[in-house]
């Protein structure tokens, strides 16, 4: 479980969440209250054409089918996510606080670790530096 997933405030707009989804690795936006309660999980398919970019994003998401308790069987969660075609599941406490995020790997063989995410982020940073160094000045 990723313990520090990206969190978005209740004030997040459709436009902000659309921008967040520009990264192909992003499959869910977690809308969280200031007290740490998960209010909505917005997935890319929840955003459709015609929605005003300044509308609130939280009402477009949901929690049902997108959250799991911390004691859930990983094997059962893995099977359920594959069956639903879902790559992300928020882990929430009994009172609804966001604890983390399960991220199913693209090949569906297991879940991403914090180390996997850091390595990918470092790789992107290195690619950006290489591109910047090759740009003419």
N, C-alpha and C. Protein backbone atom coordinates (compact mmCIF):
# COMPACT_ATOMS: atom_id res chain seq x y z
N UNK A 1 0.85 -1.18 0.00
CA UNK A 1 0.00 0.00 0.00
C UNK A 1 0.89 1.23 0.00
N UNK A 2 0.54 2.18 -0.85
CA UNK A 2 1.23 3.47 -0.84
C UNK A 2 0.64 4.28 0.30
N UNK A 3 1.48 4.77 1.18
CA UNK A 3 0.98 5.47 2.36
C UNK A 3 0.90 6.98 2.17
N UNK A 4 1.47 7.49 1.09
CA UNK A 4 1.41 8.93 0.85
C UNK A 4 0.93 9.22 -0.57
N UNK A 5 -0.25 8.72 -0.93
CA UNK A 5 -0.74 9.00 -2.28
C UNK A 5 -1.11 10.48 -2.43
N UNK A 6 -1.16 10.93 -3.67
CA UNK A 6 -1.60 12.31 -3.94
C UNK A 6 -3.02 12.47 -3.40
N UNK A 7 -3.22 13.58 -2.72
CA UNK A 7 -4.53 13.90 -2.16
C UNK A 7 -4.99 15.23 -2.74
N UNK A 8 -6.28 15.34 -2.94
CA UNK A 8 -6.86 16.57 -3.48
C UNK A 8 -7.89 17.11 -2.50
N UNK A 9 -7.92 18.42 -2.32
CA UNK A 9 -8.89 19.00 -1.38
C UNK A 9 -10.32 18.97 -1.93
N UNK A 10 -11.27 19.14 -1.05
CA UNK A 10 -12.68 19.18 -1.45
C UNK A 10 -12.95 20.25 -2.50
N UNK A 11 -12.13 21.29 -2.51
CA UNK A 11 -12.33 22.39 -3.46
C UNK A 11 -11.81 22.08 -4.86
N UNK A 12 -11.26 20.90 -5.08
CA UNK A 12 -10.70 20.56 -6.39
C UNK A 12 -11.77 20.65 -7.47
N UNK A 13 -11.37 21.19 -8.60
CA UNK A 13 -12.30 21.37 -9.71
C UNK A 13 -12.11 20.28 -10.76
N UNK A 14 -13.08 20.18 -11.64
CA UNK A 14 -13.00 19.24 -12.77
C UNK A 14 -11.73 19.53 -13.57
N UNK A 15 -11.43 20.80 -13.82
CA UNK A 15 -10.24 21.17 -14.57
C UNK A 15 -8.96 20.70 -13.89
N UNK A 16 -8.88 20.86 -12.59
CA UNK A 16 -7.69 20.43 -11.85
C UNK A 16 -7.52 18.91 -11.91
N UNK A 17 -8.62 18.20 -11.78
CA UNK A 17 -8.53 16.74 -11.82
C UNK A 17 -8.23 16.27 -13.25
N UNK A 18 -8.78 16.93 -14.25
CA UNK A 18 -8.42 16.60 -15.64
C UNK A 18 -6.92 16.76 -15.84
N UNK A 19 -6.35 17.84 -15.33
CA UNK A 19 -4.90 18.06 -15.44
C UNK A 19 -4.13 16.94 -14.73
N UNK A 20 -4.60 16.51 -13.57
CA UNK A 20 -3.97 15.44 -12.81
C UNK A 20 -3.93 14.15 -13.64
N UNK A 21 -4.96 13.91 -14.42
CA UNK A 21 -5.06 12.70 -15.22
C UNK A 21 -4.22 12.73 -16.49
N UNK A 22 -3.49 13.80 -16.74
CA UNK A 22 -2.61 13.84 -17.92
C UNK A 22 -1.50 12.80 -17.81
N UNK A 23 -1.14 12.40 -16.61
CA UNK A 23 -0.13 11.36 -16.38
C UNK A 23 -0.81 10.00 -16.58
N UNK A 24 -0.30 9.20 -17.50
CA UNK A 24 -0.89 7.90 -17.80
C UNK A 24 -0.89 6.94 -16.62
N UNK A 25 -0.02 7.16 -15.64
CA UNK A 25 0.05 6.29 -14.46
C UNK A 25 -1.03 6.61 -13.45
N UNK A 26 -1.71 7.72 -13.63
CA UNK A 26 -2.74 8.15 -12.70
C UNK A 26 -4.08 7.54 -13.11
N UNK A 27 -4.71 6.85 -12.17
CA UNK A 27 -5.98 6.19 -12.46
C UNK A 27 -7.10 6.64 -11.52
N UNK A 28 -6.74 7.32 -10.43
CA UNK A 28 -7.74 7.75 -9.46
C UNK A 28 -7.26 9.00 -8.74
N UNK A 29 -8.19 9.92 -8.53
CA UNK A 29 -7.92 11.13 -7.76
C UNK A 29 -8.66 10.98 -6.43
N UNK A 30 -7.92 11.11 -5.34
CA UNK A 30 -8.49 10.95 -4.01
C UNK A 30 -8.86 12.33 -3.46
N UNK A 31 -10.14 12.55 -3.26
CA UNK A 31 -10.63 13.81 -2.71
C UNK A 31 -10.78 13.61 -1.20
N UNK A 32 -10.02 14.41 -0.44
CA UNK A 32 -9.91 14.19 1.00
C UNK A 32 -10.26 15.48 1.76
N UNK A 33 -11.00 15.32 2.84
CA UNK A 33 -11.36 16.46 3.69
C UNK A 33 -10.13 16.92 4.47
N UNK A 34 -10.17 18.15 5.03
CA UNK A 34 -9.05 18.62 5.83
C UNK A 34 -8.73 17.70 7.02
N UNK A 35 -9.73 16.98 7.51
CA UNK A 35 -9.53 16.08 8.65
C UNK A 35 -9.00 14.70 8.22
N UNK A 36 -8.82 14.49 6.92
CA UNK A 36 -8.27 13.24 6.43
C UNK A 36 -9.28 12.19 6.02
N UNK A 37 -10.55 12.56 5.96
CA UNK A 37 -11.58 11.62 5.54
C UNK A 37 -11.65 11.58 4.01
N UNK A 38 -11.71 10.38 3.45
CA UNK A 38 -11.84 10.23 2.00
C UNK A 38 -13.28 10.54 1.64
N UNK A 39 -13.48 11.54 0.82
CA UNK A 39 -14.82 11.97 0.42
C UNK A 39 -15.24 11.38 -0.92
N UNK A 40 -14.29 11.18 -1.82
CA UNK A 40 -14.62 10.64 -3.15
C UNK A 40 -13.36 10.12 -3.82
N UNK A 41 -13.55 9.10 -4.63
CA UNK A 41 -12.50 8.62 -5.53
C UNK A 41 -13.02 8.91 -6.93
N UNK A 42 -12.32 9.80 -7.61
CA UNK A 42 -12.71 10.18 -8.97
C UNK A 42 -11.79 9.43 -9.93
N UNK A 43 -12.39 8.71 -10.86
CA UNK A 43 -11.62 8.02 -11.88
C UNK A 43 -11.77 8.76 -13.21
N UNK A 44 -10.85 8.51 -14.11
CA UNK A 44 -10.82 9.19 -15.40
C UNK A 44 -12.17 9.12 -16.11
N UNK A 45 -12.82 7.96 -16.08
CA UNK A 45 -14.11 7.80 -16.77
C UNK A 45 -15.24 8.59 -16.12
N UNK A 46 -15.03 9.08 -14.90
CA UNK A 46 -16.05 9.91 -14.25
C UNK A 46 -16.13 11.29 -14.89
N UNK A 47 -15.07 11.68 -15.56
CA UNK A 47 -15.02 12.98 -16.22
C UNK A 47 -15.45 12.81 -17.66
N UNK A 48 -16.49 13.51 -18.05
CA UNK A 48 -17.00 13.42 -19.42
C UNK A 48 -16.98 14.80 -20.06
N UNK A 49 -17.02 14.80 -21.36
CA UNK A 49 -17.05 16.07 -22.08
C UNK A 49 -18.30 16.86 -21.69
N UNK A 50 -18.15 18.15 -21.67
CA UNK A 50 -19.28 19.02 -21.37
C UNK A 50 -19.34 19.48 -19.92
N UNK A 51 -18.54 18.89 -19.05
CA UNK A 51 -18.53 19.33 -17.66
C UNK A 51 -17.74 20.63 -17.56
N UNK A 52 -18.28 21.58 -16.84
CA UNK A 52 -17.59 22.85 -16.65
C UNK A 52 -16.31 22.62 -15.86
N UNK A 53 -15.21 23.19 -16.33
CA UNK A 53 -13.92 22.98 -15.70
C UNK A 53 -13.85 23.52 -14.27
N UNK A 54 -14.70 24.50 -13.96
CA UNK A 54 -14.67 25.07 -12.61
C UNK A 54 -15.68 24.41 -11.66
N UNK A 55 -16.40 23.39 -12.13
CA UNK A 55 -17.30 22.65 -11.25
C UNK A 55 -16.50 21.83 -10.25
N UNK A 56 -17.08 21.55 -9.10
CA UNK A 56 -16.43 20.70 -8.11
C UNK A 56 -16.32 19.28 -8.64
N UNK A 57 -15.18 18.66 -8.41
CA UNK A 57 -14.94 17.30 -8.91
C UNK A 57 -15.49 16.23 -7.98
N UNK A 58 -15.54 16.49 -6.68
CA UNK A 58 -15.94 15.46 -5.71
C UNK A 58 -17.28 14.80 -6.02
N UNK A 59 -18.32 15.54 -6.41
CA UNK A 59 -19.61 14.89 -6.68
C UNK A 59 -19.57 13.88 -7.84
N UNK A 60 -18.54 13.95 -8.66
CA UNK A 60 -18.44 13.03 -9.79
C UNK A 60 -17.90 11.66 -9.38
N UNK A 61 -17.21 11.60 -8.25
CA UNK A 61 -16.61 10.35 -7.79
C UNK A 61 -17.54 9.59 -6.87
N UNK A 62 -17.01 8.49 -6.38
CA UNK A 62 -17.77 7.68 -5.41
C UNK A 62 -16.79 6.88 -4.57
N UNK A 63 -17.30 6.27 -3.53
CA UNK A 63 -16.49 5.42 -2.66
C UNK A 63 -16.82 3.94 -2.87
N UNK A 64 -18.08 3.63 -3.12
CA UNK A 64 -18.52 2.25 -3.29
C UNK A 64 -17.75 1.57 -4.42
N UNK A 65 -17.14 0.44 -4.08
CA UNK A 65 -16.39 -0.32 -5.07
C UNK A 65 -14.99 0.20 -5.32
N UNK A 66 -14.64 1.30 -4.67
CA UNK A 66 -13.34 1.93 -4.89
C UNK A 66 -12.50 2.02 -3.63
N UNK A 67 -13.00 1.43 -2.54
CA UNK A 67 -12.28 1.44 -1.28
C UNK A 67 -12.23 0.03 -0.70
N UNK A 68 -11.23 -0.20 0.13
CA UNK A 68 -11.10 -1.47 0.83
C UNK A 68 -10.67 -1.18 2.26
N UNK A 69 -11.02 -2.06 3.21
CA UNK A 69 -10.56 -1.89 4.59
C UNK A 69 -9.12 -2.37 4.72
N UNK A 70 -8.41 -1.91 5.74
CA UNK A 70 -7.00 -2.28 5.90
C UNK A 70 -6.77 -3.77 6.13
N UNK A 71 -7.73 -4.50 6.64
CA UNK A 71 -7.55 -5.93 6.91
C UNK A 71 -7.98 -6.84 5.78
N UNK A 72 -8.35 -6.26 4.64
CA UNK A 72 -8.83 -7.07 3.52
C UNK A 72 -7.73 -7.98 2.99
N UNK A 73 -8.13 -9.14 2.51
CA UNK A 73 -7.19 -10.09 1.91
C UNK A 73 -6.66 -9.52 0.59
N UNK A 74 -5.35 -9.42 0.47
CA UNK A 74 -4.76 -8.91 -0.77
C UNK A 74 -5.14 -9.77 -1.96
N UNK A 75 -5.20 -11.07 -1.77
CA UNK A 75 -5.57 -11.97 -2.87
C UNK A 75 -6.99 -11.68 -3.34
N UNK A 76 -7.91 -11.47 -2.40
CA UNK A 76 -9.29 -11.17 -2.76
C UNK A 76 -9.41 -9.80 -3.41
N UNK A 77 -8.70 -8.81 -2.87
CA UNK A 77 -8.72 -7.47 -3.46
C UNK A 77 -8.13 -7.52 -4.87
N UNK A 78 -7.06 -8.25 -5.04
CA UNK A 78 -6.41 -8.41 -6.35
C UNK A 78 -7.40 -8.98 -7.37
N UNK A 79 -8.07 -10.06 -7.00
CA UNK A 79 -9.07 -10.68 -7.89
C UNK A 79 -10.21 -9.72 -8.22
N UNK A 80 -10.70 -9.03 -7.20
CA UNK A 80 -11.82 -8.10 -7.41
C UNK A 80 -11.42 -6.93 -8.33
N UNK A 81 -10.21 -6.42 -8.15
CA UNK A 81 -9.76 -5.31 -8.98
C UNK A 81 -9.63 -5.75 -10.44
N UNK A 82 -9.08 -6.93 -10.65
CA UNK A 82 -8.96 -7.44 -12.03
C UNK A 82 -10.34 -7.65 -12.64
N UNK A 83 -11.25 -8.23 -11.89
CA UNK A 83 -12.60 -8.49 -12.39
C UNK A 83 -13.32 -7.19 -12.75
N UNK A 84 -13.08 -6.14 -11.96
CA UNK A 84 -13.74 -4.85 -12.20
C UNK A 84 -12.98 -3.98 -13.20
N UNK A 85 -11.79 -4.40 -13.59
CA UNK A 85 -10.99 -3.58 -14.50
C UNK A 85 -10.47 -2.33 -13.82
N UNK A 86 -10.24 -2.43 -12.52
CA UNK A 86 -9.82 -1.28 -11.72
C UNK A 86 -8.36 -1.47 -11.31
N UNK A 87 -7.56 -0.40 -11.41
CA UNK A 87 -6.14 -0.49 -11.05
C UNK A 87 -5.82 0.19 -9.72
N UNK A 88 -6.79 0.89 -9.13
CA UNK A 88 -6.54 1.59 -7.87
C UNK A 88 -7.68 1.31 -6.90
N UNK A 89 -7.31 1.17 -5.62
CA UNK A 89 -8.30 1.03 -4.55
C UNK A 89 -7.78 1.78 -3.34
N UNK A 90 -8.57 2.69 -2.84
CA UNK A 90 -8.20 3.45 -1.64
C UNK A 90 -8.41 2.57 -0.42
N UNK A 91 -7.48 2.65 0.51
CA UNK A 91 -7.59 1.91 1.76
C UNK A 91 -8.06 2.91 2.82
N UNK A 92 -9.18 2.58 3.45
CA UNK A 92 -9.76 3.50 4.44
C UNK A 92 -10.01 2.79 5.77
N UNK A 93 -9.91 3.56 6.83
CA UNK A 93 -10.21 3.04 8.16
C UNK A 93 -11.72 2.87 8.31
N UNK A 94 -12.13 2.24 9.39
CA UNK A 94 -13.55 2.00 9.64
C UNK A 94 -14.35 3.31 9.69
N UNK A 95 -13.69 4.39 10.12
CA UNK A 95 -14.40 5.68 10.20
C UNK A 95 -14.23 6.53 8.94
N UNK A 96 -13.60 5.97 7.90
CA UNK A 96 -13.52 6.67 6.62
C UNK A 96 -12.27 7.48 6.36
N UNK A 97 -11.30 7.40 7.23
CA UNK A 97 -10.04 8.14 6.99
C UNK A 97 -9.20 7.42 5.93
N UNK A 98 -8.58 8.20 5.07
CA UNK A 98 -7.71 7.63 4.05
C UNK A 98 -6.43 7.14 4.69
N UNK A 99 -6.11 5.87 4.48
CA UNK A 99 -4.89 5.28 5.02
C UNK A 99 -3.83 5.11 3.93
N UNK A 100 -4.27 4.89 2.71
CA UNK A 100 -3.32 4.68 1.62
C UNK A 100 -4.02 4.28 0.34
N UNK A 101 -3.22 3.80 -0.60
CA UNK A 101 -3.74 3.46 -1.92
C UNK A 101 -3.07 2.19 -2.41
N UNK A 102 -3.87 1.24 -2.85
CA UNK A 102 -3.36 0.04 -3.51
C UNK A 102 -3.33 0.32 -5.00
N UNK A 103 -2.18 0.08 -5.61
CA UNK A 103 -1.99 0.35 -7.03
C UNK A 103 -1.61 -0.94 -7.73
N UNK A 104 -2.52 -1.48 -8.51
CA UNK A 104 -2.26 -2.71 -9.24
C UNK A 104 -1.33 -2.40 -10.41
N UNK A 105 -0.25 -3.18 -10.52
CA UNK A 105 0.70 -2.97 -11.60
C UNK A 105 0.03 -3.21 -12.95
N UNK A 106 0.56 -2.60 -14.00
CA UNK A 106 -0.02 -2.70 -15.34
C UNK A 106 -0.17 -4.15 -15.79
N UNK A 107 0.78 -4.98 -15.43
CA UNK A 107 0.72 -6.40 -15.83
C UNK A 107 -0.15 -7.22 -14.89
N UNK A 108 -0.71 -6.58 -13.89
CA UNK A 108 -1.64 -7.18 -12.93
C UNK A 108 -1.03 -8.31 -12.11
N UNK A 109 0.29 -8.37 -12.04
CA UNK A 109 0.96 -9.43 -11.30
C UNK A 109 1.10 -9.11 -9.82
N UNK A 110 0.86 -7.89 -9.43
CA UNK A 110 1.01 -7.50 -8.03
C UNK A 110 0.76 -6.02 -7.87
N UNK A 111 1.13 -5.52 -6.70
CA UNK A 111 0.88 -4.12 -6.38
C UNK A 111 2.18 -3.32 -6.36
N UNK A 112 2.08 -2.06 -6.70
CA UNK A 112 3.23 -1.16 -6.68
C UNK A 112 3.64 -0.88 -5.24
N UNK A 113 4.92 -0.66 -5.06
CA UNK A 113 5.45 -0.29 -3.74
C UNK A 113 5.84 1.18 -3.77
N UNK A 114 6.09 1.73 -2.59
CA UNK A 114 6.58 3.11 -2.50
C UNK A 114 7.88 3.24 -3.31
N UNK A 115 8.72 2.22 -3.22
CA UNK A 115 10.00 2.23 -3.95
C UNK A 115 9.77 2.25 -5.47
N UNK A 116 8.80 1.49 -5.96
CA UNK A 116 8.48 1.50 -7.39
C UNK A 116 8.08 2.90 -7.84
N UNK A 117 7.24 3.55 -7.06
CA UNK A 117 6.75 4.89 -7.41
C UNK A 117 7.89 5.90 -7.39
N UNK A 118 8.76 5.83 -6.37
CA UNK A 118 9.92 6.74 -6.30
C UNK A 118 10.84 6.54 -7.50
N UNK A 119 11.09 5.29 -7.87
CA UNK A 119 11.98 5.00 -9.00
C UNK A 119 11.40 5.56 -10.29
N UNK A 120 10.10 5.41 -10.48
CA UNK A 120 9.46 5.95 -11.69
C UNK A 120 9.55 7.47 -11.70
N UNK A 121 9.31 8.09 -10.54
CA UNK A 121 9.39 9.56 -10.44
C UNK A 121 10.81 10.04 -10.72
N UNK A 122 11.81 9.33 -10.21
CA UNK A 122 13.20 9.71 -10.48
C UNK A 122 13.52 9.55 -11.95
N UNK A 123 13.01 8.50 -12.56
CA UNK A 123 13.22 8.29 -14.00
C UNK A 123 12.63 9.42 -14.82
N UNK A 124 11.46 9.89 -14.45
CA UNK A 124 10.83 11.02 -15.16
C UNK A 124 11.66 12.28 -14.98
N UNK A 125 12.17 12.49 -13.77
CA UNK A 125 12.99 13.68 -13.51
C UNK A 125 14.26 13.61 -14.35
N UNK A 126 14.87 12.44 -14.43
CA UNK A 126 16.08 12.28 -15.25
C UNK A 126 15.78 12.53 -16.72
N UNK A 127 14.64 12.04 -17.21
CA UNK A 127 14.26 12.27 -18.60
C UNK A 127 14.08 13.75 -18.87
N UNK A 128 13.46 14.46 -17.93
CA UNK A 128 13.26 15.91 -18.08
C UNK A 128 14.58 16.66 -18.13
N UNK A 129 15.53 16.26 -17.28
CA UNK A 129 16.85 16.91 -17.29
C UNK A 129 17.58 16.64 -18.59
N UNK A 130 17.47 15.39 -19.10
CA UNK A 130 18.13 15.07 -20.36
C UNK A 130 17.54 15.88 -21.50
N UNK A 131 16.20 16.02 -21.52
CA UNK A 131 15.56 16.82 -22.57
C UNK A 131 15.99 18.27 -22.48
N UNK A 132 16.00 18.82 -21.26
CA UNK A 132 16.38 20.23 -21.07
C UNK A 132 17.83 20.45 -21.51
N UNK A 133 18.69 19.49 -21.23
CA UNK A 133 20.11 19.63 -21.61
C UNK A 133 20.29 19.57 -23.12
N UNK A 134 19.37 18.92 -23.83
CA UNK A 134 19.51 18.80 -25.28
C UNK A 134 18.83 19.92 -26.04
N UNK A 135 18.05 20.75 -25.34
CA UNK A 135 17.38 21.85 -26.02
C UNK A 135 18.39 22.91 -26.40
N UNK A 136 18.24 23.47 -27.61
CA UNK A 136 19.16 24.55 -27.99
C UNK A 136 18.93 25.80 -27.13
N UNK A 137 20.02 26.50 -26.85
CA UNK A 137 19.90 27.71 -26.04
C UNK A 137 20.21 28.93 -26.85
